[in-house]
Amino acid sequence: MAIAMVELGFWQLRRLHEKEDRRAVLRTELVADPQPLAQTPDPRRYQRVTLTGRYERDAVLRELLMGSDEIRALREKVWDLPEDASYYDRVRLGELVVAALGERRQIEGAQILKQLEPFAVATVSHQLASPEDVVDNAFLIERERQQEFDDAVEDIGEELAGRVRLRLLGPVAAYDFVGRG
């Protein structure tokens, strides 16, 4: 039951973030000046790839339970109680889990970025949409370094296997890097 409540909390947070993201994009698009195509990075020399990473929910929740006495105690407290009798404790449990995920993803996302930045000419971090998201970055890479970058992502994926699911997409249009390169 506690997991279901946490799942509902994640769902509500995702919906909120999605709405905020859509509004932010609309506001940005309405005031942004169009960019001439000549300012985009040379596609013969550069390519853009995007790396996203998301926690494997069950594995990370187990880690959070094992790593936090407060989360573990609150989960045990609400486990056998009816939902209405433990509502506020369940809300608090969800808040603790989201906060712990936020701290963890800040550290792990920065580590991933630090390992990949040496292979990129430029990077752009996108806003993370969900508490389970670890990384969402665009990388502008020189074409001759693509294999090195791919190998580095593969190494990170092996290191984080079972905890973080990485997805590398590209090459795609370099719109994140208009005016660079």
N, C-alpha and C. Protein backbone atom coordinates (compact mmCIF):
# COMPACT_ATOMS: atom_id res chain seq x y z
N MET A 1 0.82 -1.19 0.00
CA MET A 1 0.00 0.00 0.00
C MET A 1 0.87 1.25 0.00
N ALA A 2 1.95 1.23 0.76
CA ALA A 2 2.84 2.41 0.81
C ALA A 2 3.46 2.66 -0.54
N ILE A 3 3.80 1.60 -1.25
CA ILE A 3 4.40 1.77 -2.57
C ILE A 3 3.38 2.40 -3.51
N ALA A 4 2.13 1.99 -3.40
CA ALA A 4 1.09 2.58 -4.24
C ALA A 4 0.94 4.07 -3.95
N MET A 5 1.00 4.44 -2.70
CA MET A 5 0.90 5.86 -2.34
C MET A 5 2.09 6.63 -2.88
N VAL A 6 3.27 6.06 -2.79
CA VAL A 6 4.47 6.72 -3.33
C VAL A 6 4.32 6.86 -4.84
N GLU A 7 3.82 5.82 -5.50
CA GLU A 7 3.61 5.85 -6.96
C GLU A 7 2.64 6.97 -7.32
N LEU A 8 1.55 7.10 -6.57
CA LEU A 8 0.59 8.17 -6.84
C LEU A 8 1.24 9.53 -6.64
N GLY A 9 2.07 9.65 -5.65
CA GLY A 9 2.78 10.91 -5.42
C GLY A 9 3.69 11.25 -6.59
N PHE A 10 4.42 10.25 -7.09
CA PHE A 10 5.28 10.45 -8.25
C PHE A 10 4.46 10.88 -9.47
N TRP A 11 3.31 10.22 -9.66
CA TRP A 11 2.46 10.51 -10.80
C TRP A 11 1.99 11.97 -10.74
N GLN A 12 1.56 12.39 -9.54
CA GLN A 12 1.10 13.77 -9.40
C GLN A 12 2.23 14.76 -9.65
N LEU A 13 3.41 14.47 -9.15
CA LEU A 13 4.56 15.35 -9.39
C LEU A 13 4.92 15.39 -10.87
N ARG A 14 4.87 14.25 -11.56
CA ARG A 14 5.16 14.23 -12.99
C ARG A 14 4.17 15.09 -13.75
N ARG A 15 2.90 14.96 -13.42
CA ARG A 15 1.88 15.77 -14.11
C ARG A 15 2.11 17.25 -13.87
N LEU A 16 2.45 17.62 -12.64
CA LEU A 16 2.72 19.02 -12.33
C LEU A 16 3.91 19.52 -13.15
N HIS A 17 4.99 18.74 -13.16
CA HIS A 17 6.18 19.14 -13.91
C HIS A 17 5.91 19.23 -15.41
N GLU A 18 5.11 18.31 -15.93
CA GLU A 18 4.77 18.34 -17.36
C GLU A 18 4.01 19.62 -17.70
N LYS A 19 3.06 20.00 -16.86
CA LYS A 19 2.30 21.22 -17.10
C LYS A 19 3.20 22.44 -17.02
N GLU A 20 4.06 22.48 -16.01
CA GLU A 20 4.98 23.61 -15.87
C GLU A 20 5.93 23.68 -17.06
N ASP A 21 6.41 22.54 -17.52
CA ASP A 21 7.31 22.51 -18.67
C ASP A 21 6.62 23.03 -19.93
N ARG A 22 5.38 22.60 -20.15
CA ARG A 22 4.65 23.08 -21.33
C ARG A 22 4.45 24.59 -21.28
N ARG A 23 4.10 25.09 -20.11
CA ARG A 23 3.91 26.54 -19.98
C ARG A 23 5.22 27.29 -20.19
N ALA A 24 6.31 26.77 -19.66
CA ALA A 24 7.61 27.42 -19.83
C ALA A 24 8.02 27.44 -21.30
N VAL A 25 7.78 26.36 -22.02
CA VAL A 25 8.12 26.31 -23.44
C VAL A 25 7.29 27.34 -24.20
N LEU A 26 6.02 27.40 -23.91
CA LEU A 26 5.16 28.38 -24.58
C LEU A 26 5.63 29.81 -24.32
N ARG A 27 5.94 30.11 -23.05
CA ARG A 27 6.41 31.46 -22.72
C ARG A 27 7.70 31.77 -23.46
N THR A 28 8.62 30.82 -23.51
CA THR A 28 9.91 31.01 -24.18
C THR A 28 9.71 31.21 -25.68
N GLU A 29 8.88 30.38 -26.27
CA GLU A 29 8.65 30.46 -27.72
C GLU A 29 7.98 31.76 -28.12
N LEU A 30 7.12 32.28 -27.26
CA LEU A 30 6.41 33.50 -27.60
C LEU A 30 7.32 34.73 -27.59
N VAL A 31 8.39 34.72 -26.80
CA VAL A 31 9.27 35.89 -26.71
C VAL A 31 10.60 35.71 -27.43
N ALA A 32 10.92 34.51 -27.86
CA ALA A 32 12.22 34.24 -28.48
C ALA A 32 12.27 34.77 -29.91
N ASP A 33 13.42 35.33 -30.26
CA ASP A 33 13.65 35.75 -31.64
C ASP A 33 14.04 34.54 -32.47
N PRO A 34 13.57 34.47 -33.70
CA PRO A 34 13.98 33.33 -34.54
C PRO A 34 15.48 33.39 -34.82
N GLN A 35 16.11 32.24 -34.88
CA GLN A 35 17.54 32.15 -35.15
C GLN A 35 17.76 31.76 -36.60
N PRO A 36 18.65 32.45 -37.30
CA PRO A 36 18.93 32.03 -38.68
C PRO A 36 19.63 30.67 -38.69
N LEU A 37 19.35 29.89 -39.72
CA LEU A 37 19.93 28.57 -39.82
C LEU A 37 21.45 28.60 -39.94
N ALA A 38 22.00 29.69 -40.43
CA ALA A 38 23.46 29.78 -40.60
C ALA A 38 24.20 29.71 -39.27
N GLN A 39 23.51 29.94 -38.17
CA GLN A 39 24.17 29.94 -36.87
C GLN A 39 24.17 28.56 -36.21
N THR A 40 23.62 27.56 -36.84
CA THR A 40 23.65 26.23 -36.25
C THR A 40 25.01 25.60 -36.48
N PRO A 41 25.44 24.71 -35.60
CA PRO A 41 26.74 24.05 -35.78
C PRO A 41 26.79 23.28 -37.10
N ASP A 42 27.95 23.27 -37.70
CA ASP A 42 28.17 22.59 -38.98
C ASP A 42 27.91 21.08 -38.82
N PRO A 43 26.87 20.55 -39.47
CA PRO A 43 26.54 19.13 -39.31
C PRO A 43 27.59 18.19 -39.89
N ARG A 44 28.50 18.70 -40.74
CA ARG A 44 29.58 17.85 -41.25
C ARG A 44 30.65 17.64 -40.19
N ARG A 45 30.71 18.56 -39.23
CA ARG A 45 31.75 18.50 -38.20
C ARG A 45 31.22 18.06 -36.84
N TYR A 46 29.99 18.46 -36.52
CA TYR A 46 29.43 18.21 -35.19
C TYR A 46 28.12 17.44 -35.30
N GLN A 47 27.81 16.75 -34.22
CA GLN A 47 26.49 16.14 -34.10
C GLN A 47 26.02 16.26 -32.66
N ARG A 48 24.72 16.27 -32.52
CA ARG A 48 24.10 16.38 -31.20
C ARG A 48 23.53 15.03 -30.82
N VAL A 49 23.77 14.64 -29.58
CA VAL A 49 23.14 13.44 -29.01
C VAL A 49 22.53 13.84 -27.68
N THR A 50 21.54 13.10 -27.28
CA THR A 50 20.90 13.35 -25.99
C THR A 50 21.01 12.10 -25.14
N LEU A 51 21.39 12.29 -23.90
CA LEU A 51 21.45 11.18 -22.94
C LEU A 51 20.43 11.44 -21.84
N THR A 52 19.55 10.47 -21.66
CA THR A 52 18.62 10.53 -20.54
C THR A 52 18.88 9.32 -19.65
N GLY A 53 18.62 9.49 -18.39
CA GLY A 53 18.78 8.39 -17.44
C GLY A 53 17.69 8.46 -16.40
N ARG A 54 17.17 7.31 -16.07
CA ARG A 54 16.08 7.22 -15.10
C ARG A 54 16.37 6.09 -14.13
N TYR A 55 16.09 6.35 -12.87
CA TYR A 55 16.29 5.32 -11.87
C TYR A 55 15.39 4.12 -12.13
N GLU A 56 15.93 2.94 -11.86
CA GLU A 56 15.13 1.72 -11.81
C GLU A 56 14.43 1.76 -10.45
N ARG A 57 13.16 1.99 -10.46
CA ARG A 57 12.39 2.34 -9.26
C ARG A 57 12.58 1.36 -8.10
N ASP A 58 12.38 0.08 -8.34
CA ASP A 58 12.44 -0.90 -7.25
C ASP A 58 13.82 -0.94 -6.60
N ALA A 59 14.85 -0.93 -7.42
CA ALA A 59 16.22 -1.00 -6.89
C ALA A 59 16.54 0.22 -6.04
N VAL A 60 16.17 1.39 -6.54
CA VAL A 60 16.51 2.62 -5.80
C VAL A 60 15.65 2.76 -4.55
N LEU A 61 14.39 2.35 -4.61
CA LEU A 61 13.56 2.41 -3.40
C LEU A 61 14.11 1.48 -2.32
N ARG A 62 14.60 0.30 -2.73
CA ARG A 62 15.24 -0.60 -1.76
C ARG A 62 16.46 0.07 -1.14
N GLU A 63 17.28 0.73 -1.96
CA GLU A 63 18.46 1.43 -1.45
C GLU A 63 18.06 2.53 -0.46
N LEU A 64 17.00 3.26 -0.80
CA LEU A 64 16.54 4.33 0.09
C LEU A 64 16.06 3.76 1.42
N LEU A 65 15.34 2.65 1.36
CA LEU A 65 14.87 2.00 2.59
C LEU A 65 16.04 1.55 3.46
N MET A 66 17.05 0.98 2.82
CA MET A 66 18.21 0.48 3.57
C MET A 66 19.08 1.62 4.08
N GLY A 67 19.06 2.75 3.38
CA GLY A 67 19.96 3.85 3.73
C GLY A 67 19.38 4.90 4.66
N SER A 68 18.10 4.83 4.94
CA SER A 68 17.48 5.86 5.78
C SER A 68 16.62 5.22 6.87
N ASP A 69 17.04 5.42 8.10
CA ASP A 69 16.26 4.90 9.22
C ASP A 69 14.88 5.54 9.27
N GLU A 70 14.80 6.83 8.95
CA GLU A 70 13.53 7.53 9.01
C GLU A 70 12.54 7.00 7.97
N ILE A 71 13.00 6.80 6.75
CA ILE A 71 12.13 6.26 5.70
C ILE A 71 11.70 4.84 6.06
N ARG A 72 12.64 4.03 6.49
CA ARG A 72 12.33 2.64 6.84
C ARG A 72 11.31 2.59 7.98
N ALA A 73 11.52 3.40 9.02
CA ALA A 73 10.61 3.38 10.18
C ALA A 73 9.21 3.84 9.80
N LEU A 74 9.13 4.88 8.98
CA LEU A 74 7.82 5.38 8.57
C LEU A 74 7.09 4.36 7.66
N ARG A 75 7.83 3.71 6.79
CA ARG A 75 7.25 2.67 5.94
C ARG A 75 6.70 1.53 6.80
N GLU A 76 7.47 1.09 7.78
CA GLU A 76 7.01 0.02 8.66
C GLU A 76 5.78 0.45 9.46
N LYS A 77 5.75 1.70 9.85
CA LYS A 77 4.61 2.21 10.63
C LYS A 77 3.31 2.18 9.82
N VAL A 78 3.37 2.54 8.54
CA VAL A 78 2.14 2.64 7.74
C VAL A 78 1.80 1.34 7.01
N TRP A 79 2.69 0.38 7.00
CA TRP A 79 2.54 -0.83 6.20
C TRP A 79 1.21 -1.53 6.43
N ASP A 80 0.83 -1.77 7.66
CA ASP A 80 -0.39 -2.53 7.96
C ASP A 80 -1.59 -1.65 8.33
N LEU A 81 -1.41 -0.35 8.31
CA LEU A 81 -2.52 0.55 8.67
C LEU A 81 -3.39 0.85 7.47
N PRO A 82 -4.67 1.09 7.70
CA PRO A 82 -5.53 1.52 6.59
C PRO A 82 -5.07 2.89 6.07
N GLU A 83 -5.35 3.14 4.81
CA GLU A 83 -4.90 4.39 4.19
C GLU A 83 -5.40 5.62 4.93
N ASP A 84 -6.67 5.64 5.28
CA ASP A 84 -7.22 6.83 5.93
C ASP A 84 -6.64 7.04 7.33
N ALA A 85 -6.22 5.99 7.99
CA ALA A 85 -5.65 6.12 9.33
C ALA A 85 -4.19 6.56 9.30
N SER A 86 -3.57 6.44 8.15
CA SER A 86 -2.15 6.78 8.07
C SER A 86 -1.86 7.78 6.95
N TYR A 87 -2.87 8.53 6.56
CA TYR A 87 -2.75 9.44 5.42
C TYR A 87 -1.55 10.39 5.54
N TYR A 88 -1.45 11.09 6.65
CA TYR A 88 -0.40 12.09 6.80
C TYR A 88 0.99 11.45 6.87
N ASP A 89 1.05 10.29 7.47
CA ASP A 89 2.33 9.57 7.50
C ASP A 89 2.72 9.11 6.09
N ARG A 90 1.76 8.71 5.31
CA ARG A 90 2.05 8.30 3.93
C ARG A 90 2.50 9.48 3.09
N VAL A 91 1.87 10.61 3.29
CA VAL A 91 2.30 11.82 2.59
C VAL A 91 3.73 12.16 2.99
N ARG A 92 4.01 12.11 4.26
CA ARG A 92 5.37 12.39 4.75
C ARG A 92 6.37 11.38 4.17
N LEU A 93 5.98 10.13 4.09
CA LEU A 93 6.84 9.10 3.50
C LEU A 93 7.16 9.45 2.04
N GLY A 94 6.16 9.84 1.30
CA GLY A 94 6.37 10.24 -0.10
C GLY A 94 7.31 11.44 -0.21
N GLU A 95 7.12 12.41 0.69
CA GLU A 95 7.99 13.59 0.69
C GLU A 95 9.44 13.22 0.99
N LEU A 96 9.63 12.33 1.95
CA LEU A 96 10.98 11.89 2.29
C LEU A 96 11.65 11.15 1.12
N VAL A 97 10.88 10.31 0.45
CA VAL A 97 11.42 9.55 -0.68
C VAL A 97 11.80 10.51 -1.82
N VAL A 98 10.92 11.44 -2.14
CA VAL A 98 11.20 12.40 -3.21
C VAL A 98 12.43 13.25 -2.87
N ALA A 99 12.54 13.69 -1.61
CA ALA A 99 13.70 14.48 -1.21
C ALA A 99 14.99 13.66 -1.30
N ALA A 100 14.93 12.41 -0.86
CA ALA A 100 16.12 11.55 -0.93
C ALA A 100 16.51 11.28 -2.38
N LEU A 101 15.52 11.07 -3.24
CA LEU A 101 15.81 10.89 -4.66
C LEU A 101 16.44 12.15 -5.25
N GLY A 102 15.93 13.30 -4.85
CA GLY A 102 16.47 14.56 -5.35
C GLY A 102 17.94 14.74 -4.98
N GLU A 103 18.28 14.43 -3.73
CA GLU A 103 19.68 14.53 -3.31
C GLU A 103 20.54 13.55 -4.08
N ARG A 104 20.06 12.35 -4.22
CA ARG A 104 20.82 11.29 -4.90
C ARG A 104 21.02 11.63 -6.37
N ARG A 105 19.95 12.08 -7.04
CA ARG A 105 20.09 12.35 -8.48
C ARG A 105 20.97 13.56 -8.75
N GLN A 106 21.00 14.50 -7.83
CA GLN A 106 21.88 15.65 -8.01
C GLN A 106 23.35 15.20 -8.03
N ILE A 107 23.70 14.33 -7.12
CA ILE A 107 25.07 13.82 -7.04
C ILE A 107 25.38 12.92 -8.23
N GLU A 108 24.50 11.95 -8.49
CA GLU A 108 24.78 10.99 -9.56
C GLU A 108 24.69 11.62 -10.94
N GLY A 109 23.78 12.54 -11.13
CA GLY A 109 23.69 13.24 -12.41
C GLY A 109 24.94 14.05 -12.69
N ALA A 110 25.46 14.72 -11.66
CA ALA A 110 26.70 15.49 -11.81
C ALA A 110 27.87 14.57 -12.13
N GLN A 111 27.91 13.40 -11.53
CA GLN A 111 29.00 12.44 -11.81
C GLN A 111 28.95 11.96 -13.26
N ILE A 112 27.76 11.68 -13.76
CA ILE A 112 27.61 11.24 -15.14
C ILE A 112 28.08 12.34 -16.08
N LEU A 113 27.62 13.56 -15.83
CA LEU A 113 28.01 14.69 -16.67
C LEU A 113 29.52 14.91 -16.64
N LYS A 114 30.12 14.81 -15.48
CA LYS A 114 31.56 15.01 -15.34
C LYS A 114 32.34 13.97 -16.16
N GLN A 115 31.84 12.74 -16.22
CA GLN A 115 32.52 11.69 -16.97
C GLN A 115 32.39 11.89 -18.49
N LEU A 116 31.33 12.56 -18.94
CA LEU A 116 31.10 12.70 -20.37
C LEU A 116 31.53 14.05 -20.95
N GLU A 117 31.63 15.07 -20.13
CA GLU A 117 32.00 16.39 -20.64
C GLU A 117 33.31 16.42 -21.42
N PRO A 118 34.34 15.65 -21.04
CA PRO A 118 35.59 15.72 -21.81
C PRO A 118 35.44 15.32 -23.28
N PHE A 119 34.39 14.61 -23.63
CA PHE A 119 34.19 14.15 -25.01
C PHE A 119 33.32 15.11 -25.82
N ALA A 120 32.79 16.15 -25.19
CA ALA A 120 31.85 17.05 -25.85
C ALA A 120 32.43 18.45 -26.02
N VAL A 121 32.01 19.10 -27.09
CA VAL A 121 32.38 20.50 -27.33
C VAL A 121 31.53 21.39 -26.43
N ALA A 122 30.27 21.00 -26.24
CA ALA A 122 29.34 21.77 -25.41
C ALA A 122 28.27 20.82 -24.87
N THR A 123 27.67 21.22 -23.77
CA THR A 123 26.56 20.45 -23.20
C THR A 123 25.45 21.41 -22.80
N VAL A 124 24.24 20.90 -22.82
CA VAL A 124 23.07 21.64 -22.34
C VAL A 124 22.29 20.70 -21.45
N SER A 125 22.02 21.14 -20.23
CA SER A 125 21.22 20.35 -19.31
C SER A 125 19.76 20.74 -19.44
N HIS A 126 18.92 19.75 -19.60
CA HIS A 126 17.47 20.00 -19.64
C HIS A 126 16.89 19.77 -18.26
N GLN A 127 15.80 20.44 -17.98
CA GLN A 127 15.13 20.28 -16.69
C GLN A 127 14.62 18.85 -16.56
N LEU A 128 14.88 18.26 -15.42
CA LEU A 128 14.41 16.90 -15.17
C LEU A 128 12.92 16.94 -14.89
N ALA A 129 12.18 16.05 -15.53
CA ALA A 129 10.73 16.09 -15.48
C ALA A 129 10.12 15.29 -14.34
N SER A 130 10.87 14.38 -13.77
CA SER A 130 10.30 13.46 -12.80
C SER A 130 11.32 13.19 -11.70
N PRO A 131 10.88 12.87 -10.49
CA PRO A 131 11.83 12.56 -9.42
C PRO A 131 12.74 11.37 -9.74
N GLU A 132 12.29 10.47 -10.64
CA GLU A 132 13.11 9.31 -10.99
C GLU A 132 14.17 9.63 -12.04
N ASP A 133 14.06 10.79 -12.70
CA ASP A 133 15.03 11.17 -13.72
C ASP A 133 16.35 11.55 -13.08
N VAL A 134 17.43 11.07 -13.67
CA VAL A 134 18.77 11.33 -13.14
C VAL A 134 19.51 12.33 -14.02
N VAL A 135 19.37 12.17 -15.32
CA VAL A 135 20.10 13.01 -16.26
C VAL A 135 19.27 13.21 -17.52
N ASP A 136 19.34 14.41 -18.08
CA ASP A 136 18.74 14.73 -19.37
C ASP A 136 19.59 15.83 -19.97
N ASN A 137 20.57 15.43 -20.76
CA ASN A 137 21.54 16.38 -21.30
C ASN A 137 21.72 16.19 -22.79
N ALA A 138 21.91 17.31 -23.49
CA ALA A 138 22.30 17.29 -24.89
C ALA A 138 23.80 17.53 -24.95
N PHE A 139 24.47 16.82 -25.84
CA PHE A 139 25.91 16.95 -26.01
C PHE A 139 26.20 17.26 -27.47
N LEU A 140 27.03 18.26 -27.71
CA LEU A 140 27.51 18.56 -29.04
C LEU A 140 28.89 17.93 -29.16
N ILE A 141 29.00 16.99 -30.10
CA ILE A 141 30.21 16.17 -30.19
C ILE A 141 30.81 16.30 -31.58
N GLU A 142 32.12 16.39 -31.63
CA GLU A 142 32.79 16.33 -32.92
C GLU A 142 32.61 14.92 -33.46
N ARG A 143 32.31 14.82 -34.73
CA ARG A 143 32.00 13.52 -35.33
C ARG A 143 33.10 12.49 -35.10
N GLU A 144 34.36 12.91 -35.14
CA GLU A 144 35.44 11.93 -34.97
C GLU A 144 35.57 11.42 -33.54
N ARG A 145 34.87 12.06 -32.58
CA ARG A 145 34.92 11.61 -31.18
C ARG A 145 33.66 10.83 -30.78
N GLN A 146 32.77 10.59 -31.72
CA GLN A 146 31.51 9.92 -31.41
C GLN A 146 31.74 8.55 -30.78
N GLN A 147 32.65 7.76 -31.31
CA GLN A 147 32.88 6.42 -30.77
C GLN A 147 33.40 6.49 -29.34
N GLU A 148 34.28 7.44 -29.06
CA GLU A 148 34.79 7.60 -27.68
C GLU A 148 33.64 7.93 -26.73
N PHE A 149 32.78 8.83 -27.18
CA PHE A 149 31.62 9.21 -26.36
C PHE A 149 30.72 8.00 -26.12
N ASP A 150 30.42 7.27 -27.19
CA ASP A 150 29.57 6.08 -27.07
C ASP A 150 30.18 5.06 -26.10
N ASP A 151 31.49 4.87 -26.18
CA ASP A 151 32.17 3.93 -25.29
C ASP A 151 32.06 4.38 -23.84
N ALA A 152 32.21 5.69 -23.62
CA ALA A 152 32.10 6.23 -22.26
C ALA A 152 30.69 6.03 -21.71
N VAL A 153 29.68 6.26 -22.54
CA VAL A 153 28.28 6.03 -22.11
C VAL A 153 28.07 4.55 -21.80
N GLU A 154 28.63 3.68 -22.62
CA GLU A 154 28.52 2.23 -22.38
C GLU A 154 29.14 1.86 -21.03
N ASP A 155 30.31 2.42 -20.73
CA ASP A 155 30.97 2.15 -19.45
C ASP A 155 30.10 2.61 -18.27
N ILE A 156 29.54 3.80 -18.40
CA ILE A 156 28.67 4.32 -17.34
C ILE A 156 27.44 3.42 -17.18
N GLY A 157 26.87 3.00 -18.31
CA GLY A 157 25.71 2.11 -18.26
C GLY A 157 26.00 0.80 -17.55
N GLU A 158 27.19 0.25 -17.80
CA GLU A 158 27.57 -0.99 -17.11
C GLU A 158 27.76 -0.75 -15.61
N GLU A 159 28.33 0.39 -15.29
CA GLU A 159 28.57 0.74 -13.88
C GLU A 159 27.25 0.92 -13.12
N LEU A 160 26.25 1.45 -13.79
CA LEU A 160 24.97 1.75 -13.13
C LEU A 160 23.88 0.70 -13.41
N ALA A 161 24.25 -0.38 -14.05
CA ALA A 161 23.28 -1.41 -14.44
C ALA A 161 22.44 -1.87 -13.25
N GLY A 162 21.15 -1.96 -13.48
CA GLY A 162 20.23 -2.38 -12.42
C GLY A 162 19.76 -1.24 -11.52
N ARG A 163 20.39 -0.08 -11.66
CA ARG A 163 20.01 1.08 -10.82
C ARG A 163 19.49 2.24 -11.66
N VAL A 164 20.19 2.48 -12.80
CA VAL A 164 19.82 3.58 -13.68
C VAL A 164 19.74 3.03 -15.10
N ARG A 165 18.65 3.35 -15.78
CA ARG A 165 18.49 2.95 -17.17
C ARG A 165 18.83 4.17 -18.04
N LEU A 166 19.91 4.04 -18.82
CA LEU A 166 20.36 5.13 -19.70
C LEU A 166 19.80 4.93 -21.09
N ARG A 167 19.56 6.05 -21.77
CA ARG A 167 19.09 6.03 -23.15
C ARG A 167 19.83 7.10 -23.92
N LEU A 168 20.55 6.69 -24.95
CA LEU A 168 21.31 7.60 -25.80
C LEU A 168 20.57 7.73 -27.12
N LEU A 169 20.26 8.95 -27.50
CA LEU A 169 19.50 9.22 -28.71
C LEU A 169 20.31 10.15 -29.60
N GLY A 170 20.48 9.78 -30.85
CA GLY A 170 21.17 10.66 -31.76
C GLY A 170 21.95 9.89 -32.78
N PRO A 171 22.50 10.60 -33.72
CA PRO A 171 22.53 12.06 -33.82
C PRO A 171 21.17 12.63 -34.23
N VAL A 172 20.90 13.80 -33.70
CA VAL A 172 19.67 14.54 -34.00
C VAL A 172 20.05 16.00 -34.27
N ALA A 173 19.09 16.78 -34.71
CA ALA A 173 19.34 18.19 -35.01
C ALA A 173 19.94 18.91 -33.80
N ALA A 174 20.88 19.80 -34.07
CA ALA A 174 21.63 20.47 -33.00
C ALA A 174 20.96 21.75 -32.52
N TYR A 175 19.65 21.74 -32.38
CA TYR A 175 18.94 22.96 -32.00
C TYR A 175 19.32 23.49 -30.63
N ASP A 176 19.81 22.64 -29.72
CA ASP A 176 20.23 23.13 -28.41
C ASP A 176 21.47 24.01 -28.51
N PHE A 177 22.17 23.93 -29.62
CA PHE A 177 23.46 24.59 -29.74
C PHE A 177 23.48 25.67 -30.82
N VAL A 178 22.35 26.25 -31.12
CA VAL A 178 22.29 27.34 -32.09
C VAL A 178 23.17 28.46 -31.59
N GLY A 179 24.03 28.95 -32.46
CA GLY A 179 24.94 30.04 -32.10
C GLY A 179 26.28 29.54 -31.60
N ARG A 180 26.50 28.24 -31.53
CA ARG A 180 27.78 27.67 -31.10
C ARG A 180 28.36 26.87 -32.25
N GLY A 181 29.69 26.75 -32.23
CA GLY A 181 30.35 25.90 -33.24
C GLY A 181 30.33 26.57 -34.56
